[in-house]
Amino acid sequence: MTRRIAAVAAVLFGVVTLVAGGRVLLGGDPGYLVFRPLVLFNTAMGAVYVLAGILIWRTPAAVRPAAAIALLNGVVLAGIVALRLAGGPVAGESVAAMTFRTAVWAAIWGALVWGGRRSAARRPVSGPEDS
């Protein structure tokens, strides 16, 4: 059940990310300074989120894509924080949004790890006598 909830969350989050990024890329004004490379990254990642969600739904061992996404988002977050601190063209809203994305994917990853451990604990262990 945890895996299915994580999968739905991933797909929904991906769709919202695609819509938000697409709107900005098509000329919409979010009301703050837009760092175009970040918008491009986030929009592309929206598609990755949807694909990861589908994989999570279909594959019980899909914890690795969630971990990779959480880690990649964390690396990008660190990069834009460093850029902002250096006076670069990154809005505080962008840092907050990237922090949120990273937290969501860390939570999805954590839920999958936790759910996988719970499932493993419920599985009967087969021993030599079961052969």
N, C-alpha and C. Protein backbone atom coordinates (compact mmCIF):
# COMPACT_ATOMS: atom_id res chain seq x y z
N MET A 1 0.82 -1.20 0.00
CA MET A 1 0.00 0.00 0.00
C MET A 1 0.87 1.26 0.00
N THR A 2 1.95 1.26 0.79
CA THR A 2 2.84 2.42 0.85
C THR A 2 3.43 2.70 -0.52
N ARG A 3 3.82 1.65 -1.23
CA ARG A 3 4.41 1.82 -2.56
C ARG A 3 3.41 2.45 -3.52
N ARG A 4 2.16 2.04 -3.46
CA ARG A 4 1.13 2.59 -4.35
C ARG A 4 0.88 4.08 -4.05
N ILE A 5 0.85 4.43 -2.78
CA ILE A 5 0.67 5.83 -2.40
C ILE A 5 1.86 6.66 -2.89
N ALA A 6 3.06 6.13 -2.73
CA ALA A 6 4.26 6.82 -3.20
C ALA A 6 4.22 7.00 -4.72
N ALA A 7 3.76 5.98 -5.41
CA ALA A 7 3.68 6.05 -6.87
C ALA A 7 2.70 7.12 -7.33
N VAL A 8 1.54 7.17 -6.70
CA VAL A 8 0.53 8.18 -7.05
C VAL A 8 1.07 9.58 -6.74
N ALA A 9 1.72 9.72 -5.59
CA ALA A 9 2.30 11.02 -5.22
C ALA A 9 3.34 11.45 -6.24
N ALA A 10 4.17 10.53 -6.68
CA ALA A 10 5.22 10.84 -7.66
C ALA A 10 4.61 11.30 -8.99
N VAL A 11 3.60 10.58 -9.47
CA VAL A 11 2.97 10.94 -10.74
C VAL A 11 2.27 12.29 -10.63
N LEU A 12 1.51 12.50 -9.57
CA LEU A 12 0.82 13.78 -9.40
C LEU A 12 1.82 14.93 -9.28
N PHE A 13 2.87 14.72 -8.51
CA PHE A 13 3.89 15.75 -8.35
C PHE A 13 4.55 16.04 -9.70
N GLY A 14 4.78 15.00 -10.49
CA GLY A 14 5.36 15.18 -11.81
C GLY A 14 4.46 15.98 -12.73
N VAL A 15 3.18 15.69 -12.72
CA VAL A 15 2.23 16.42 -13.57
C VAL A 15 2.18 17.89 -13.16
N VAL A 16 2.11 18.15 -11.86
CA VAL A 16 2.09 19.54 -11.38
C VAL A 16 3.38 20.26 -11.78
N THR A 17 4.50 19.58 -11.67
CA THR A 17 5.79 20.16 -12.05
C THR A 17 5.83 20.47 -13.54
N LEU A 18 5.32 19.56 -14.36
CA LEU A 18 5.28 19.80 -15.80
C LEU A 18 4.40 21.00 -16.14
N VAL A 19 3.25 21.09 -15.51
CA VAL A 19 2.34 22.21 -15.78
C VAL A 19 2.97 23.53 -15.36
N ALA A 20 3.52 23.57 -14.15
CA ALA A 20 4.12 24.81 -13.64
C ALA A 20 5.31 25.24 -14.51
N GLY A 21 6.18 24.30 -14.81
CA GLY A 21 7.35 24.62 -15.64
C GLY A 21 6.95 25.00 -17.04
N GLY A 22 6.00 24.28 -17.60
CA GLY A 22 5.53 24.58 -18.95
C GLY A 22 4.93 25.97 -19.05
N ARG A 23 4.19 26.34 -18.04
CA ARG A 23 3.59 27.67 -18.01
C ARG A 23 4.66 28.76 -18.06
N VAL A 24 5.71 28.60 -17.26
CA VAL A 24 6.80 29.59 -17.24
C VAL A 24 7.56 29.57 -18.56
N LEU A 25 7.84 28.39 -19.09
CA LEU A 25 8.58 28.30 -20.36
C LEU A 25 7.80 28.88 -21.53
N LEU A 26 6.47 28.87 -21.42
CA LEU A 26 5.64 29.44 -22.48
C LEU A 26 5.39 30.94 -22.29
N GLY A 27 6.07 31.54 -21.32
CA GLY A 27 5.99 32.98 -21.16
C GLY A 27 5.22 33.47 -19.95
N GLY A 28 4.69 32.58 -19.16
CA GLY A 28 3.98 32.99 -17.96
C GLY A 28 4.93 33.63 -16.95
N ASP A 29 4.44 34.63 -16.24
CA ASP A 29 5.26 35.32 -15.25
C ASP A 29 4.92 34.79 -13.86
N PRO A 30 5.88 34.11 -13.21
CA PRO A 30 5.59 33.58 -11.87
C PRO A 30 5.63 34.67 -10.78
N GLY A 31 6.07 35.87 -11.14
CA GLY A 31 6.11 36.95 -10.17
C GLY A 31 7.45 37.11 -9.47
N TYR A 32 8.45 36.42 -9.94
CA TYR A 32 9.79 36.55 -9.37
C TYR A 32 10.81 36.23 -10.47
N LEU A 33 12.06 36.53 -10.20
CA LEU A 33 13.15 36.31 -11.14
C LEU A 33 13.22 34.83 -11.51
N VAL A 34 13.26 34.55 -12.80
CA VAL A 34 13.31 33.16 -13.28
C VAL A 34 14.73 32.84 -13.72
N PHE A 35 15.30 31.80 -13.14
CA PHE A 35 16.60 31.27 -13.54
C PHE A 35 16.31 30.16 -14.54
N ARG A 36 16.39 30.49 -15.82
CA ARG A 36 15.93 29.60 -16.88
C ARG A 36 16.52 28.18 -16.82
N PRO A 37 17.83 28.00 -16.55
CA PRO A 37 18.34 26.63 -16.45
C PRO A 37 17.61 25.80 -15.38
N LEU A 38 17.22 26.44 -14.30
CA LEU A 38 16.50 25.71 -13.25
C LEU A 38 15.09 25.34 -13.72
N VAL A 39 14.43 26.26 -14.42
CA VAL A 39 13.09 25.95 -14.95
C VAL A 39 13.17 24.80 -15.94
N LEU A 40 14.17 24.82 -16.80
CA LEU A 40 14.34 23.72 -17.77
C LEU A 40 14.59 22.40 -17.04
N PHE A 41 15.47 22.43 -16.05
CA PHE A 41 15.76 21.22 -15.26
C PHE A 41 14.48 20.70 -14.60
N ASN A 42 13.77 21.59 -13.92
CA ASN A 42 12.59 21.16 -13.17
C ASN A 42 11.49 20.63 -14.10
N THR A 43 11.33 21.26 -15.25
CA THR A 43 10.31 20.80 -16.19
C THR A 43 10.67 19.41 -16.73
N ALA A 44 11.92 19.23 -17.09
CA ALA A 44 12.36 17.90 -17.55
C ALA A 44 12.19 16.87 -16.44
N MET A 45 12.51 17.27 -15.22
CA MET A 45 12.37 16.34 -14.10
C MET A 45 10.90 15.99 -13.85
N GLY A 46 9.99 16.89 -14.20
CA GLY A 46 8.56 16.57 -14.08
C GLY A 46 8.23 15.30 -14.86
N ALA A 47 8.77 15.20 -16.08
CA ALA A 47 8.56 13.99 -16.88
C ALA A 47 9.21 12.78 -16.21
N VAL A 48 10.40 12.98 -15.65
CA VAL A 48 11.10 11.90 -14.95
C VAL A 48 10.27 11.46 -13.73
N TYR A 49 9.68 12.42 -13.02
CA TYR A 49 8.85 12.09 -11.86
C TYR A 49 7.68 11.19 -12.27
N VAL A 50 7.04 11.52 -13.38
CA VAL A 50 5.91 10.71 -13.85
C VAL A 50 6.39 9.30 -14.19
N LEU A 51 7.50 9.21 -14.93
CA LEU A 51 8.04 7.89 -15.27
C LEU A 51 8.44 7.10 -14.02
N ALA A 52 9.06 7.78 -13.07
CA ALA A 52 9.46 7.12 -11.83
C ALA A 52 8.22 6.62 -11.08
N GLY A 53 7.17 7.43 -11.06
CA GLY A 53 5.93 7.01 -10.40
C GLY A 53 5.35 5.75 -11.02
N ILE A 54 5.38 5.68 -12.34
CA ILE A 54 4.89 4.49 -13.03
C ILE A 54 5.76 3.29 -12.67
N LEU A 55 7.06 3.49 -12.64
CA LEU A 55 7.99 2.41 -12.28
C LEU A 55 7.76 1.96 -10.83
N ILE A 56 7.57 2.92 -9.95
CA ILE A 56 7.31 2.59 -8.54
C ILE A 56 6.02 1.76 -8.43
N TRP A 57 5.01 2.12 -9.18
CA TRP A 57 3.73 1.39 -9.16
C TRP A 57 3.91 -0.05 -9.62
N ARG A 58 4.73 -0.23 -10.66
CA ARG A 58 4.85 -1.54 -11.30
C ARG A 58 5.93 -2.43 -10.72
N THR A 59 6.92 -1.85 -10.03
CA THR A 59 8.08 -2.61 -9.60
C THR A 59 8.33 -2.45 -8.11
N PRO A 60 8.19 -3.51 -7.35
CA PRO A 60 8.41 -3.40 -5.90
C PRO A 60 9.81 -2.92 -5.53
N ALA A 61 10.81 -3.15 -6.37
CA ALA A 61 12.18 -2.77 -6.04
C ALA A 61 12.55 -1.41 -6.61
N ALA A 62 11.59 -0.52 -6.81
CA ALA A 62 11.85 0.77 -7.47
C ALA A 62 12.31 1.85 -6.51
N VAL A 63 12.96 1.47 -5.44
CA VAL A 63 13.45 2.46 -4.49
C VAL A 63 14.63 3.25 -5.08
N ARG A 64 15.39 2.64 -5.97
CA ARG A 64 16.57 3.31 -6.53
C ARG A 64 16.24 4.56 -7.35
N PRO A 65 15.22 4.52 -8.22
CA PRO A 65 14.90 5.77 -8.93
C PRO A 65 14.52 6.90 -7.98
N ALA A 66 13.78 6.59 -6.94
CA ALA A 66 13.39 7.62 -5.97
C ALA A 66 14.63 8.17 -5.26
N ALA A 67 15.55 7.29 -4.91
CA ALA A 67 16.78 7.73 -4.26
C ALA A 67 17.59 8.62 -5.20
N ALA A 68 17.69 8.22 -6.46
CA ALA A 68 18.46 9.00 -7.44
C ALA A 68 17.84 10.38 -7.64
N ILE A 69 16.52 10.44 -7.71
CA ILE A 69 15.85 11.74 -7.90
C ILE A 69 16.06 12.62 -6.67
N ALA A 70 15.90 12.05 -5.48
CA ALA A 70 16.11 12.83 -4.26
C ALA A 70 17.54 13.37 -4.21
N LEU A 71 18.49 12.53 -4.53
CA LEU A 71 19.90 12.94 -4.52
C LEU A 71 20.18 14.01 -5.56
N LEU A 72 19.70 13.81 -6.78
CA LEU A 72 19.92 14.79 -7.85
C LEU A 72 19.28 16.13 -7.49
N ASN A 73 18.06 16.10 -6.96
CA ASN A 73 17.43 17.35 -6.53
C ASN A 73 18.24 18.02 -5.43
N GLY A 74 18.79 17.23 -4.52
CA GLY A 74 19.63 17.79 -3.46
C GLY A 74 20.88 18.45 -4.00
N VAL A 75 21.49 17.85 -5.00
CA VAL A 75 22.69 18.42 -5.63
C VAL A 75 22.33 19.74 -6.31
N VAL A 76 21.23 19.76 -7.04
CA VAL A 76 20.81 21.00 -7.71
C VAL A 76 20.45 22.06 -6.68
N LEU A 77 19.79 21.66 -5.60
CA LEU A 77 19.47 22.59 -4.53
C LEU A 77 20.74 23.22 -3.97
N ALA A 78 21.74 22.41 -3.70
CA ALA A 78 23.01 22.93 -3.18
C ALA A 78 23.63 23.91 -4.18
N GLY A 79 23.54 23.58 -5.45
CA GLY A 79 24.09 24.45 -6.48
C GLY A 79 23.39 25.80 -6.56
N ILE A 80 22.06 25.79 -6.50
CA ILE A 80 21.37 27.08 -6.61
C ILE A 80 21.51 27.90 -5.33
N VAL A 81 21.63 27.23 -4.19
CA VAL A 81 21.89 27.96 -2.94
C VAL A 81 23.25 28.64 -3.03
N ALA A 82 24.25 27.92 -3.50
CA ALA A 82 25.59 28.50 -3.65
C ALA A 82 25.56 29.66 -4.64
N LEU A 83 24.84 29.48 -5.74
CA LEU A 83 24.74 30.55 -6.74
C LEU A 83 24.05 31.78 -6.16
N ARG A 84 22.98 31.56 -5.41
CA ARG A 84 22.27 32.69 -4.79
C ARG A 84 23.16 33.41 -3.78
N LEU A 85 23.87 32.65 -2.96
CA LEU A 85 24.75 33.26 -1.96
C LEU A 85 25.88 34.06 -2.62
N ALA A 86 26.25 33.67 -3.82
CA ALA A 86 27.29 34.38 -4.56
C ALA A 86 26.73 35.58 -5.34
N GLY A 87 25.44 35.84 -5.16
CA GLY A 87 24.82 36.98 -5.84
C GLY A 87 24.27 36.65 -7.21
N GLY A 88 24.13 35.36 -7.50
CA GLY A 88 23.62 34.93 -8.81
C GLY A 88 22.13 35.19 -8.97
N PRO A 89 21.63 34.97 -10.18
CA PRO A 89 20.24 35.29 -10.51
C PRO A 89 19.24 34.22 -10.09
N VAL A 90 19.23 33.87 -8.82
CA VAL A 90 18.31 32.85 -8.32
C VAL A 90 17.44 33.48 -7.25
N ALA A 91 16.13 33.41 -7.46
CA ALA A 91 15.18 33.99 -6.51
C ALA A 91 15.03 33.10 -5.28
N GLY A 92 14.69 33.72 -4.17
CA GLY A 92 14.42 32.97 -2.95
C GLY A 92 13.29 31.97 -3.14
N GLU A 93 12.30 32.34 -3.97
CA GLU A 93 11.19 31.43 -4.26
C GLU A 93 11.68 30.16 -4.97
N SER A 94 12.69 30.32 -5.81
CA SER A 94 13.26 29.16 -6.50
C SER A 94 13.96 28.23 -5.52
N VAL A 95 14.67 28.81 -4.56
CA VAL A 95 15.33 28.00 -3.53
C VAL A 95 14.28 27.27 -2.70
N ALA A 96 13.22 27.98 -2.34
CA ALA A 96 12.15 27.35 -1.55
C ALA A 96 11.48 26.22 -2.33
N ALA A 97 11.20 26.45 -3.61
CA ALA A 97 10.56 25.42 -4.43
C ALA A 97 11.46 24.20 -4.61
N MET A 98 12.76 24.44 -4.78
CA MET A 98 13.70 23.32 -4.94
C MET A 98 13.85 22.57 -3.62
N THR A 99 13.80 23.29 -2.53
CA THR A 99 13.83 22.64 -1.21
C THR A 99 12.61 21.74 -1.06
N PHE A 100 11.46 22.23 -1.47
CA PHE A 100 10.23 21.44 -1.40
C PHE A 100 10.32 20.19 -2.28
N ARG A 101 10.82 20.36 -3.50
CA ARG A 101 10.96 19.21 -4.40
C ARG A 101 11.89 18.15 -3.79
N THR A 102 12.99 18.62 -3.24
CA THR A 102 13.94 17.69 -2.62
C THR A 102 13.30 16.98 -1.44
N ALA A 103 12.56 17.70 -0.62
CA ALA A 103 11.90 17.09 0.54
C ALA A 103 10.84 16.09 0.12
N VAL A 104 10.08 16.41 -0.92
CA VAL A 104 9.05 15.47 -1.40
C VAL A 104 9.70 14.17 -1.85
N TRP A 105 10.77 14.28 -2.62
CA TRP A 105 11.41 13.06 -3.12
C TRP A 105 12.16 12.30 -2.02
N ALA A 106 12.68 13.02 -1.04
CA ALA A 106 13.28 12.33 0.11
C ALA A 106 12.20 11.57 0.86
N ALA A 107 11.01 12.16 0.97
CA ALA A 107 9.89 11.49 1.66
C ALA A 107 9.42 10.27 0.87
N ILE A 108 9.33 10.40 -0.45
CA ILE A 108 8.93 9.25 -1.28
C ILE A 108 9.96 8.13 -1.13
N TRP A 109 11.22 8.49 -1.19
CA TRP A 109 12.29 7.51 -1.02
C TRP A 109 12.18 6.85 0.36
N GLY A 110 12.04 7.65 1.38
CA GLY A 110 11.92 7.12 2.74
C GLY A 110 10.71 6.21 2.89
N ALA A 111 9.59 6.60 2.30
CA ALA A 111 8.39 5.76 2.37
C ALA A 111 8.61 4.42 1.69
N LEU A 112 9.31 4.44 0.57
CA LEU A 112 9.59 3.17 -0.13
C LEU A 112 10.52 2.28 0.67
N VAL A 113 11.54 2.87 1.28
CA VAL A 113 12.45 2.08 2.11
C VAL A 113 11.69 1.50 3.29
N TRP A 114 10.91 2.34 3.96
CA TRP A 114 10.13 1.91 5.13
C TRP A 114 9.12 0.83 4.73
N GLY A 115 8.40 1.07 3.64
CA GLY A 115 7.42 0.09 3.18
C GLY A 115 8.06 -1.22 2.76
N GLY A 116 9.24 -1.13 2.15
CA GLY A 116 9.96 -2.34 1.75
C GLY A 116 10.42 -3.15 2.94
N ARG A 117 10.85 -2.47 3.98
CA ARG A 117 11.28 -3.18 5.20
C ARG A 117 10.09 -3.83 5.89
N ARG A 118 8.96 -3.13 5.89
CA ARG A 118 7.75 -3.71 6.51
C ARG A 118 7.30 -4.94 5.74
N SER A 119 7.37 -4.88 4.40
CA SER A 119 6.99 -6.03 3.58
C SER A 119 7.94 -7.20 3.81
N ALA A 120 9.23 -6.90 3.90
CA ALA A 120 10.22 -7.96 4.12
C ALA A 120 10.03 -8.61 5.48
N ALA A 121 9.63 -7.82 6.47
CA ALA A 121 9.43 -8.37 7.81
C ALA A 121 8.22 -9.30 7.86
N ARG A 122 7.26 -9.08 6.97
CA ARG A 122 6.05 -9.91 6.96
C ARG A 122 6.21 -11.18 6.14
N ARG A 123 7.22 -11.21 5.25
CA ARG A 123 7.42 -12.39 4.42
C ARG A 123 7.96 -13.55 5.24
N PRO A 124 7.42 -14.74 5.02
CA PRO A 124 7.97 -15.90 5.72
C PRO A 124 9.37 -16.22 5.20
N VAL A 125 10.21 -16.63 6.10
CA VAL A 125 11.58 -16.99 5.75
C VAL A 125 11.60 -18.47 5.43
N SER A 126 12.15 -18.82 4.27
CA SER A 126 12.23 -20.23 3.93
C SER A 126 13.62 -20.73 4.31
N GLY A 127 13.65 -21.86 4.91
CA GLY A 127 14.90 -22.45 5.34
C GLY A 127 15.19 -23.71 4.56
N PRO A 128 16.25 -24.40 4.94
CA PRO A 128 16.65 -25.62 4.23
C PRO A 128 15.54 -26.69 4.28
N GLU A 129 14.75 -26.65 5.35
CA GLU A 129 13.71 -27.67 5.47
C GLU A 129 12.59 -27.43 4.46
N ASP A 130 12.52 -26.24 3.85
CA ASP A 130 11.49 -25.94 2.87
C ASP A 130 11.86 -26.38 1.47
N SER A 131 13.07 -26.86 1.29
CA SER A 131 13.56 -27.20 -0.04
C SER A 131 12.94 -28.46 -0.55
